[in-house]
N, C-alpha and C. Protein backbone atom coordinates (compact mmCIF):
# COMPACT_ATOMS: atom_id res chain seq x y z
N MET A 1 0.93 -1.14 -0.18
CA MET A 1 -0.17 -0.21 0.03
C MET A 1 0.92 1.37 0.21
N SER A 2 0.19 2.03 -0.81
CA SER A 2 1.22 3.26 -0.87
C SER A 2 0.61 4.41 0.33
N LYS A 3 1.30 5.32 0.88
CA LYS A 3 0.90 6.37 1.41
C LYS A 3 -0.37 7.28 1.18
N LEU A 4 -0.51 7.19 -0.07
CA LEU A 4 -1.83 8.25 -0.38
C LEU A 4 -2.95 7.13 -0.21
N THR A 5 -2.77 5.93 -0.09
CA THR A 5 -3.81 4.70 0.37
C THR A 5 -3.98 4.85 1.96
N ILE A 6 -3.01 4.63 2.50
CA ILE A 6 -3.09 4.53 3.74
C ILE A 6 -3.58 6.09 4.05
N ALA A 7 -3.12 7.05 3.39
CA ALA A 7 -3.65 8.56 4.42
C ALA A 7 -5.25 8.75 3.64
N GLY A 8 -5.94 8.06 3.13
CA GLY A 8 -6.94 7.90 2.16
C GLY A 8 -8.19 6.75 3.36
N LEU A 9 -7.71 5.37 3.43
CA LEU A 9 -7.91 4.84 4.35
C LEU A 9 -8.27 5.62 5.78
N ALA A 10 -6.96 6.33 6.66
CA ALA A 10 -7.08 7.35 7.17
C ALA A 10 -8.10 7.92 7.41
N SER A 11 -8.28 8.55 6.21
CA SER A 11 -9.13 10.06 6.18
C SER A 11 -10.27 9.25 6.36
N TRP A 12 -10.81 8.29 5.50
CA TRP A 12 -12.28 7.79 5.76
C TRP A 12 -12.31 6.88 7.66
N PHE A 13 -11.75 6.52 7.90
CA PHE A 13 -11.53 5.68 9.64
C PHE A 13 -12.01 6.97 10.69
N ILE A 14 -11.09 7.83 10.33
CA ILE A 14 -11.07 9.33 10.78
C ILE A 14 -12.58 9.95 10.63
N GLY A 15 -13.32 9.68 10.16
CA GLY A 15 -14.32 10.57 9.33
C GLY A 15 -15.26 9.58 9.71
N GLY A 16 -15.58 7.68 9.69
CA GLY A 16 -16.53 7.14 10.25
C GLY A 16 -16.07 7.13 11.83
N LEU A 17 -15.14 7.47 12.21
CA LEU A 17 -15.12 7.85 14.10
C LEU A 17 -16.21 9.14 14.86
N ILE A 18 -16.14 10.27 13.80
CA ILE A 18 -16.30 11.77 14.07
C ILE A 18 -17.88 11.21 13.76
N PHE A 19 -18.16 10.35 12.91
CA PHE A 19 -19.92 10.32 12.43
C PHE A 19 -20.48 9.11 13.38
N GLY A 20 -19.79 8.07 14.01
CA GLY A 20 -19.80 7.29 14.93
C GLY A 20 -20.72 7.93 16.49
N PHE A 21 -19.41 9.04 16.52
CA PHE A 21 -19.40 9.63 18.17
C PHE A 21 -20.28 10.62 17.91
N GLN A 22 -20.59 11.43 17.22
CA GLN A 22 -21.79 12.16 16.76
C GLN A 22 -23.53 11.40 17.19
N ALA A 23 -23.19 10.63 16.52
CA ALA A 23 -24.58 9.59 16.13
C ALA A 23 -24.85 9.04 17.56
N ILE A 24 -24.01 8.71 18.07
CA ILE A 24 -24.13 8.51 19.57
C ILE A 24 -24.45 9.44 20.40
N GLY A 25 -24.09 10.93 20.30
CA GLY A 25 -24.04 11.89 21.26
C GLY A 25 -25.13 12.52 21.04
N ALA A 26 -25.87 12.75 19.69
CA ALA A 26 -26.84 12.83 19.33
C ALA A 26 -28.23 12.07 20.62
N LEU A 27 -27.86 10.66 20.56
CA LEU A 27 -28.91 9.84 20.89
C LEU A 27 -28.88 9.77 22.39
N VAL A 28 -27.40 10.16 23.04
CA VAL A 28 -27.64 10.05 24.48
C VAL A 28 -28.16 11.94 24.80
N ARG A 29 -27.82 12.49 24.00
CA ARG A 29 -28.58 14.26 24.18
C ARG A 29 -29.55 14.23 24.29
N SER A 30 -30.19 13.51 23.18
CA SER A 30 -31.98 13.94 22.86
C SER A 30 -32.90 12.53 23.74
N GLY A 31 -32.04 11.59 24.40
CA GLY A 31 -33.23 10.55 24.91
C GLY A 31 -33.42 9.53 24.56
N GLY A 32 -33.49 9.69 23.12
CA GLY A 32 -33.66 8.63 22.19
C GLY A 32 -33.74 8.72 20.77
N ASP A 33 -34.41 10.64 20.65
CA ASP A 33 -34.62 10.75 19.42
C ASP A 33 -33.34 11.44 18.55
N LEU A 34 -33.40 11.06 17.55
CA LEU A 34 -31.95 11.95 16.88
C LEU A 34 -31.70 12.87 16.52
N ASN A 35 -31.26 14.22 17.38
CA ASN A 35 -31.08 15.53 17.56
C ASN A 35 -29.82 16.00 17.16
N TRP A 36 -29.85 15.77 15.55
CA TRP A 36 -27.92 15.79 15.29
C TRP A 36 -27.44 17.00 15.07
N LYS A 37 -26.62 17.51 15.42
CA LYS A 37 -25.55 18.57 15.81
C LYS A 37 -24.13 18.03 14.63
N ASN A 38 -24.10 18.81 13.21
CA ASN A 38 -22.81 18.62 12.37
C ASN A 38 -21.57 19.21 13.59
N MET A 39 -20.43 18.80 13.10
CA MET A 39 -19.31 19.37 13.44
C MET A 39 -18.85 20.17 12.14
N ILE A 40 -18.52 20.71 12.21
CA ILE A 40 -17.56 21.77 10.66
C ILE A 40 -16.09 21.98 11.09
N LEU A 41 -15.56 22.46 10.21
CA LEU A 41 -13.92 22.48 10.46
C LEU A 41 -13.63 23.71 10.87
N MET A 42 -15.11 24.81 11.05
CA MET A 42 -14.94 25.87 11.80
C MET A 42 -14.83 25.71 13.39
N ASP A 43 -15.73 24.97 13.64
CA ASP A 43 -15.83 24.33 15.19
C ASP A 43 -14.31 24.00 15.23
N VAL A 44 -13.87 23.18 14.87
CA VAL A 44 -12.60 22.97 15.02
C VAL A 44 -11.46 23.60 15.10
N ILE A 45 -11.14 24.06 13.82
CA ILE A 45 -10.44 25.43 13.64
C ILE A 45 -10.54 26.73 14.65
N GLY A 46 -11.44 27.00 14.77
CA GLY A 46 -12.00 28.25 15.21
C GLY A 46 -12.43 29.51 14.43
N LYS A 47 -13.44 30.35 14.87
CA LYS A 47 -14.01 31.75 13.89
C LYS A 47 -12.88 32.06 13.28
N SER A 48 -11.97 32.59 14.39
CA SER A 48 -10.75 33.88 13.98
C SER A 48 -10.17 33.15 12.94
N GLN A 49 -9.75 32.25 13.01
CA GLN A 49 -8.40 31.32 12.02
C GLN A 49 -9.04 31.77 10.68
N LEU A 50 -10.75 31.38 10.82
CA LEU A 50 -11.10 31.73 9.00
C LEU A 50 -11.79 33.13 8.80
N ASP A 51 -11.33 34.11 9.71
CA ASP A 51 -12.31 35.57 9.11
C ASP A 51 -11.55 35.92 7.74
N TRP A 52 -10.60 35.39 7.31
CA TRP A 52 -10.20 35.67 5.26
C TRP A 52 -11.13 35.51 4.99
N ILE A 53 -11.77 34.12 5.44
CA ILE A 53 -12.57 33.74 3.85
C ILE A 53 -13.44 35.14 3.52
N ALA A 54 -13.87 35.55 4.86
CA ALA A 54 -15.08 36.72 4.98
C ALA A 54 -14.57 37.74 3.93
N GLY A 55 -13.35 38.12 4.28
CA GLY A 55 -12.78 39.22 3.21
C GLY A 55 -12.63 39.04 2.11
N MET A 56 -12.91 37.70 1.36
CA MET A 56 -12.44 37.74 -0.22
C MET A 56 -13.47 38.28 -0.60
N PRO A 57 -13.10 38.58 -2.07
CA PRO A 57 -14.40 39.03 -3.03
C PRO A 57 -15.22 38.05 -3.47
N GLU A 58 -16.95 38.64 -3.52
CA GLU A 58 -17.56 37.25 -3.97
C GLU A 58 -16.99 37.12 -5.02
N GLY A 59 -17.59 35.88 -4.76
CA GLY A 59 -17.29 35.16 -6.65
C GLY A 59 -17.41 33.34 -6.04
N ILE A 60 -16.87 32.61 -7.59
CA ILE A 60 -17.06 31.07 -6.87
C ILE A 60 -16.11 30.66 -6.02
N VAL A 61 -14.63 31.35 -6.23
CA VAL A 61 -13.86 30.69 -4.98
C VAL A 61 -14.30 30.92 -3.69
N HIS A 62 -14.48 31.83 -3.14
CA HIS A 62 -15.61 32.56 -2.06
C HIS A 62 -16.42 31.61 -1.74
N ASN A 63 -17.27 31.20 -2.21
CA ASN A 63 -18.54 30.06 -2.54
C ASN A 63 -17.88 28.86 -2.14
N ILE A 64 -16.68 28.24 -3.11
CA ILE A 64 -16.56 27.40 -2.59
C ILE A 64 -15.12 26.98 -1.20
N ALA A 65 -14.52 28.36 -0.79
CA ALA A 65 -13.92 28.27 0.47
C ALA A 65 -15.19 28.21 1.67
N GLN A 66 -16.16 28.46 1.56
CA GLN A 66 -17.53 28.92 2.40
C GLN A 66 -17.97 28.00 2.33
N TYR A 67 -18.21 27.15 1.89
CA TYR A 67 -19.00 25.25 1.76
C TYR A 67 -18.14 24.40 2.37
N ILE A 68 -16.65 24.92 1.91
CA ILE A 68 -15.68 23.24 2.76
C ILE A 68 -15.62 23.87 4.24
N VAL A 69 -15.56 25.44 4.30
CA VAL A 69 -15.73 24.97 6.24
C VAL A 69 -16.71 24.94 6.84
N THR A 70 -17.84 24.75 5.97
CA THR A 70 -18.96 24.69 7.09
C THR A 70 -19.80 23.65 6.48
N MET A 71 -19.24 22.78 5.96
CA MET A 71 -19.69 20.98 5.56
C MET A 71 -19.57 20.74 6.56
N PRO A 72 -20.51 19.17 6.81
CA PRO A 72 -19.95 18.24 7.97
C PRO A 72 -18.41 17.63 8.11
N LEU A 73 -17.85 17.64 9.26
CA LEU A 73 -16.41 17.48 8.93
C LEU A 73 -16.42 15.52 8.64
N TYR A 74 -17.21 15.04 8.80
CA TYR A 74 -17.20 13.53 8.46
C TYR A 74 -17.43 13.42 6.87
N LEU A 75 -18.06 14.54 6.29
CA LEU A 75 -18.77 14.24 4.93
C LEU A 75 -16.98 14.81 4.17
N LEU A 76 -16.25 16.33 4.94
CA LEU A 76 -15.43 16.99 4.28
C LEU A 76 -14.21 15.31 4.69
N LEU A 77 -14.04 14.54 5.71
CA LEU A 77 -12.75 13.39 5.71
C LEU A 77 -12.93 12.58 4.55
N PHE A 78 -14.40 12.15 4.40
CA PHE A 78 -14.76 11.43 3.18
C PHE A 78 -14.71 11.80 1.80
N CYS A 79 -14.64 12.73 1.52
CA CYS A 79 -14.31 13.91 -0.14
C CYS A 79 -12.76 13.40 0.06
N VAL A 80 -11.93 13.58 1.42
CA VAL A 80 -10.75 14.27 1.00
C VAL A 80 -9.80 12.39 1.04
N GLY A 81 -10.41 11.80 1.65
CA GLY A 81 -10.01 10.38 1.15
C GLY A 81 -10.65 10.30 0.28
N ILE A 82 -11.30 10.25 -0.67
CA ILE A 82 -11.94 9.92 -2.17
C ILE A 82 -10.32 10.69 -3.18
N LEU A 83 -10.55 11.98 -2.81
CA LEU A 83 -9.19 12.59 -3.50
C LEU A 83 -7.95 11.83 -3.01
N PHE A 84 -7.39 11.56 -1.89
CA PHE A 84 -6.52 10.57 -1.97
C PHE A 84 -6.65 9.24 -2.59
N PHE A 85 -7.68 8.66 -2.86
CA PHE A 85 -7.46 7.36 -3.46
C PHE A 85 -7.15 7.81 -5.02
N ILE A 86 -7.82 8.94 -5.20
CA ILE A 86 -7.65 9.41 -6.62
C ILE A 86 -6.37 10.04 -7.40
N LEU A 87 -5.98 10.54 -6.53
CA LEU A 87 -3.91 10.70 -6.29
C LEU A 87 -2.93 9.77 -6.66
N ASN A 88 -3.46 8.41 -5.54
CA ASN A 88 -2.83 7.18 -5.77
C ASN A 88 -3.02 6.63 -6.73
N GLY A 89 -4.28 6.51 -7.75
CA GLY A 89 -4.40 5.82 -8.87
C GLY A 89 -3.97 6.25 -10.16
N LEU A 90 -3.97 8.12 -9.95
CA LEU A 90 -3.07 8.96 -10.68
C LEU A 90 -1.68 8.96 -10.96
N VAL A 91 -0.80 8.87 -9.88
CA VAL A 91 0.55 8.97 -9.24
C VAL A 91 0.73 7.33 -9.41
N SER A 92 0.34 6.36 -9.57
CA SER A 92 0.56 5.05 -10.03
C SER A 92 0.99 4.81 -11.12
N LYS A 93 0.11 5.71 -11.67
CA LYS A 93 0.55 5.46 -13.86
C LYS A 93 1.27 5.82 -14.03
N ILE A 94 1.56 7.01 -12.93
CA ILE A 94 3.05 7.83 -13.76
C ILE A 94 4.50 7.31 -13.78
């Protein structure tokens, strides 16, 4: 296995752990009902560290950056894992 494959698998594993812990936390917090609260990248890093995104001019790059920092963290890690697998496939053919 290459380093990119291991990085992709690690990203998927960590994303799965975060998803599982969020599901367990939602069940415990709400007493049986699924009261879901997504963890986002902005929660992990801190909003003050990502203020530069608000200063970007409006456009597609701003919208993409805003979407990435506000998407659920487990979904972001799953997409990063897929990106690592694609990069592994491209690099291995070179």
